[in-house]
N, C-alpha and C. Protein backbone atom coordinates (compact mmCIF):
# COMPACT_ATOMS: atom_id res chain seq x y z
N MET A 1 36.15 64.25 -8.76
CA MET A 1 36.19 62.79 -8.74
C MET A 1 37.63 62.34 -8.44
N LYS A 2 37.75 61.48 -7.50
CA LYS A 2 39.06 60.98 -7.08
C LYS A 2 39.51 59.87 -8.05
N LEU A 3 40.68 60.04 -8.65
CA LEU A 3 41.17 59.09 -9.64
C LEU A 3 42.25 58.16 -9.11
N ASN A 4 42.35 58.07 -7.79
CA ASN A 4 43.32 57.12 -7.22
C ASN A 4 42.77 56.50 -5.94
N ARG A 5 43.34 55.37 -5.59
CA ARG A 5 42.97 54.68 -4.35
C ARG A 5 44.22 54.10 -3.73
N LYS A 6 44.29 54.19 -2.42
CA LYS A 6 45.39 53.56 -1.69
C LYS A 6 44.89 52.23 -1.14
N VAL A 7 45.71 51.21 -1.31
CA VAL A 7 45.36 49.87 -0.83
C VAL A 7 46.60 49.23 -0.21
N VAL A 8 46.37 48.31 0.70
CA VAL A 8 47.47 47.62 1.38
C VAL A 8 47.57 46.20 0.82
N ILE A 9 48.79 45.80 0.51
CA ILE A 9 49.03 44.44 0.03
C ILE A 9 48.75 43.48 1.19
N SER A 10 47.73 42.65 1.03
CA SER A 10 47.33 41.75 2.12
C SER A 10 47.77 40.30 1.87
N ASN A 11 48.22 40.02 0.68
CA ASN A 11 48.68 38.68 0.33
C ASN A 11 50.00 38.39 1.04
N GLU A 12 50.10 37.26 1.69
CA GLU A 12 51.31 36.87 2.42
C GLU A 12 52.56 36.87 1.54
N LEU A 13 52.38 36.54 0.26
CA LEU A 13 53.51 36.49 -0.68
C LEU A 13 53.83 37.85 -1.29
N GLY A 14 53.04 38.86 -0.96
CA GLY A 14 53.27 40.18 -1.52
C GLY A 14 52.80 40.27 -2.96
N LEU A 15 53.28 41.28 -3.64
CA LEU A 15 52.91 41.51 -5.03
C LEU A 15 53.92 40.77 -5.91
N HIS A 16 53.67 39.49 -6.12
CA HIS A 16 54.59 38.63 -6.87
C HIS A 16 54.17 38.56 -8.34
N ALA A 17 54.86 37.78 -9.14
CA ALA A 17 54.65 37.75 -10.59
C ALA A 17 53.22 37.39 -11.00
N ARG A 18 52.65 36.38 -10.41
CA ARG A 18 51.30 35.96 -10.77
C ARG A 18 50.29 37.07 -10.45
N ALA A 19 50.47 37.69 -9.29
CA ALA A 19 49.58 38.79 -8.89
C ALA A 19 49.77 40.00 -9.81
N ALA A 20 51.02 40.31 -10.13
CA ALA A 20 51.32 41.44 -11.02
C ALA A 20 50.70 41.21 -12.39
N ALA A 21 50.70 39.97 -12.85
CA ALA A 21 50.11 39.65 -14.15
C ALA A 21 48.60 39.91 -14.13
N LYS A 22 47.94 39.63 -13.01
CA LYS A 22 46.50 39.88 -12.89
C LYS A 22 46.22 41.38 -12.95
N ILE A 23 47.06 42.17 -12.29
CA ILE A 23 46.90 43.63 -12.33
C ILE A 23 47.11 44.14 -13.74
N ALA A 24 48.19 43.69 -14.38
CA ALA A 24 48.50 44.15 -15.74
C ALA A 24 47.37 43.82 -16.71
N LYS A 25 46.79 42.64 -16.57
CA LYS A 25 45.70 42.23 -17.45
C LYS A 25 44.50 43.18 -17.30
N LEU A 26 44.16 43.51 -16.06
CA LEU A 26 43.06 44.46 -15.83
C LEU A 26 43.41 45.84 -16.38
N ALA A 27 44.63 46.30 -16.15
CA ALA A 27 45.07 47.63 -16.60
C ALA A 27 45.04 47.74 -18.12
N GLU A 28 45.30 46.65 -18.80
CA GLU A 28 45.28 46.67 -20.27
C GLU A 28 43.88 46.93 -20.82
N GLU A 29 42.86 46.69 -20.03
CA GLU A 29 41.48 46.93 -20.46
C GLU A 29 41.08 48.40 -20.37
N ALA A 30 41.91 49.22 -19.74
CA ALA A 30 41.60 50.64 -19.55
C ALA A 30 41.70 51.41 -20.86
N ARG A 31 40.91 52.47 -20.95
CA ARG A 31 40.95 53.34 -22.13
C ARG A 31 42.18 54.24 -22.11
N SER A 32 42.68 54.51 -20.92
CA SER A 32 43.80 55.42 -20.77
C SER A 32 44.85 54.78 -19.86
N ASN A 33 45.72 55.59 -19.27
CA ASN A 33 46.82 55.07 -18.46
C ASN A 33 46.39 54.69 -17.05
N VAL A 34 47.01 53.62 -16.55
CA VAL A 34 46.81 53.17 -15.17
C VAL A 34 48.19 53.03 -14.56
N TYR A 35 48.35 53.52 -13.33
CA TYR A 35 49.64 53.49 -12.66
C TYR A 35 49.52 52.85 -11.28
N ILE A 36 50.63 52.23 -10.86
CA ILE A 36 50.76 51.71 -9.50
C ILE A 36 51.95 52.45 -8.89
N GLY A 37 51.79 52.92 -7.65
CA GLY A 37 52.86 53.67 -7.04
C GLY A 37 53.12 53.30 -5.60
N LYS A 38 54.39 53.53 -5.19
CA LYS A 38 54.81 53.27 -3.81
C LYS A 38 56.00 54.17 -3.50
N ASP A 39 55.97 54.81 -2.36
CA ASP A 39 57.10 55.63 -1.89
C ASP A 39 57.57 56.65 -2.93
N GLY A 40 56.63 57.29 -3.60
CA GLY A 40 56.98 58.33 -4.57
C GLY A 40 57.38 57.82 -5.94
N GLU A 41 57.43 56.53 -6.13
CA GLU A 41 57.75 55.94 -7.44
C GLU A 41 56.46 55.40 -8.05
N GLU A 42 56.26 55.69 -9.32
CA GLU A 42 55.04 55.26 -9.99
C GLU A 42 55.41 54.55 -11.29
N VAL A 43 54.73 53.42 -11.56
CA VAL A 43 55.03 52.65 -12.76
C VAL A 43 53.75 52.37 -13.55
N ASP A 44 53.93 52.03 -14.80
CA ASP A 44 52.84 51.66 -15.69
C ASP A 44 52.26 50.33 -15.23
N ALA A 45 50.97 50.32 -14.94
CA ALA A 45 50.34 49.11 -14.41
C ALA A 45 50.14 48.03 -15.47
N THR A 46 50.41 48.34 -16.73
CA THR A 46 50.31 47.30 -17.76
C THR A 46 51.62 46.54 -17.91
N SER A 47 52.67 47.00 -17.23
CA SER A 47 53.99 46.38 -17.35
C SER A 47 54.26 45.45 -16.16
N LEU A 48 54.23 44.18 -16.44
CA LEU A 48 54.49 43.16 -15.42
C LEU A 48 55.84 43.40 -14.74
N LEU A 49 56.87 43.65 -15.52
CA LEU A 49 58.21 43.84 -14.95
C LEU A 49 58.30 45.09 -14.09
N ASP A 50 57.66 46.17 -14.53
CA ASP A 50 57.67 47.41 -13.74
C ASP A 50 56.97 47.22 -12.40
N ILE A 51 55.85 46.49 -12.41
CA ILE A 51 55.11 46.25 -11.16
C ILE A 51 55.97 45.43 -10.20
N ILE A 52 56.59 44.38 -10.69
CA ILE A 52 57.44 43.54 -9.84
C ILE A 52 58.61 44.33 -9.28
N ALA A 53 59.16 45.24 -10.10
CA ALA A 53 60.32 46.03 -9.69
C ALA A 53 60.00 46.98 -8.54
N LEU A 54 58.72 47.30 -8.31
CA LEU A 54 58.36 48.15 -7.18
C LEU A 54 58.66 47.50 -5.84
N TYR A 55 58.73 46.20 -5.80
CA TYR A 55 58.93 45.41 -4.59
C TYR A 55 57.92 45.80 -3.52
N CYS A 56 56.82 45.07 -3.50
CA CYS A 56 55.73 45.34 -2.58
C CYS A 56 55.40 44.10 -1.76
N PRO A 57 56.06 43.93 -0.63
CA PRO A 57 55.75 42.79 0.24
C PRO A 57 54.44 43.00 0.99
N CYS A 58 53.99 42.00 1.67
CA CYS A 58 52.76 42.06 2.46
C CYS A 58 52.84 43.23 3.45
N GLY A 59 51.74 43.98 3.56
CA GLY A 59 51.66 45.08 4.51
C GLY A 59 52.01 46.44 3.93
N VAL A 60 52.55 46.48 2.73
CA VAL A 60 52.93 47.74 2.10
C VAL A 60 51.70 48.42 1.49
N GLU A 61 51.61 49.73 1.65
CA GLU A 61 50.52 50.49 1.04
C GLU A 61 50.97 50.98 -0.33
N ILE A 62 50.12 50.76 -1.33
CA ILE A 62 50.40 51.26 -2.67
C ILE A 62 49.22 52.09 -3.14
N ALA A 63 49.46 52.89 -4.16
CA ALA A 63 48.40 53.69 -4.76
C ALA A 63 48.15 53.21 -6.18
N VAL A 64 46.89 53.12 -6.54
CA VAL A 64 46.50 52.81 -7.91
C VAL A 64 45.87 54.08 -8.46
N ARG A 65 46.36 54.52 -9.64
CA ARG A 65 45.88 55.79 -10.21
C ARG A 65 45.49 55.60 -11.67
N ILE A 66 44.38 56.21 -12.04
CA ILE A 66 43.94 56.23 -13.43
C ILE A 66 44.00 57.68 -13.93
N THR A 67 44.02 57.86 -15.25
CA THR A 67 44.07 59.20 -15.81
C THR A 67 42.76 59.60 -16.49
N ASP A 68 41.85 58.66 -16.63
CA ASP A 68 40.56 58.91 -17.29
C ASP A 68 39.43 58.47 -16.37
N PRO A 69 38.53 59.38 -16.00
CA PRO A 69 37.41 59.00 -15.13
C PRO A 69 36.58 57.84 -15.67
N GLY A 70 36.63 57.63 -16.97
CA GLY A 70 35.90 56.53 -17.58
C GLY A 70 36.46 55.17 -17.19
N ASP A 71 37.63 55.15 -16.60
CA ASP A 71 38.27 53.90 -16.18
C ASP A 71 38.06 53.59 -14.70
N MET A 72 37.07 54.23 -14.09
CA MET A 72 36.81 54.03 -12.66
C MET A 72 36.57 52.57 -12.32
N LYS A 73 35.90 51.83 -13.18
CA LYS A 73 35.66 50.41 -12.93
C LYS A 73 36.98 49.65 -12.87
N ILE A 74 37.91 49.98 -13.74
CA ILE A 74 39.23 49.34 -13.74
C ILE A 74 39.94 49.64 -12.42
N LEU A 75 39.91 50.90 -12.00
CA LEU A 75 40.53 51.29 -10.73
C LEU A 75 39.94 50.47 -9.58
N ASN A 76 38.63 50.38 -9.52
CA ASN A 76 37.98 49.64 -8.44
C ASN A 76 38.27 48.14 -8.52
N ASP A 77 38.31 47.60 -9.74
CA ASP A 77 38.60 46.17 -9.90
C ASP A 77 40.03 45.84 -9.44
N ILE A 78 40.99 46.71 -9.78
CA ILE A 78 42.37 46.47 -9.35
C ILE A 78 42.48 46.59 -7.83
N ALA A 79 41.86 47.62 -7.27
CA ALA A 79 41.89 47.79 -5.81
C ALA A 79 41.28 46.58 -5.11
N ARG A 80 40.14 46.10 -5.61
CA ARG A 80 39.48 44.93 -5.01
C ARG A 80 40.37 43.69 -5.12
N LEU A 81 41.03 43.52 -6.27
CA LEU A 81 41.94 42.39 -6.47
C LEU A 81 43.05 42.41 -5.41
N ILE A 82 43.62 43.57 -5.18
CA ILE A 82 44.70 43.71 -4.19
C ILE A 82 44.16 43.46 -2.78
N GLU A 83 43.03 44.08 -2.45
CA GLU A 83 42.45 43.96 -1.11
C GLU A 83 42.07 42.51 -0.76
N THR A 84 41.74 41.73 -1.76
CA THR A 84 41.34 40.34 -1.53
C THR A 84 42.49 39.35 -1.68
N GLY A 85 43.72 39.87 -1.70
CA GLY A 85 44.89 39.00 -1.76
C GLY A 85 45.06 38.29 -3.08
N PHE A 86 44.59 38.91 -4.17
CA PHE A 86 44.75 38.37 -5.52
C PHE A 86 44.06 37.02 -5.69
N GLY A 87 43.05 36.76 -4.86
CA GLY A 87 42.33 35.50 -4.96
C GLY A 87 43.11 34.31 -4.40
N GLU A 88 44.16 34.59 -3.64
CA GLU A 88 45.03 33.53 -3.13
C GLU A 88 44.90 33.32 -1.62
N MET A 89 44.04 34.09 -0.98
CA MET A 89 43.91 33.98 0.47
C MET A 89 42.74 33.11 0.85
């Protein structure tokens, strides 16, 4: 079972504070750890500041990773949120 997904930031504003807060809120619902990664750097997806620090403008590919297969719904929900521009497009 694949525990990660790659997605491209499609929101014109990139992964900004409001969008990062939506990701963190979903990640907090997970039973285990959720990570967001870019260019070999990976951060805790429940940390708003860590997500913002990744600096992910529009067009950047990021990876969302879970550590527990039971969190597959969380992984898919976060990926869908990113793919749909955080509901802002």
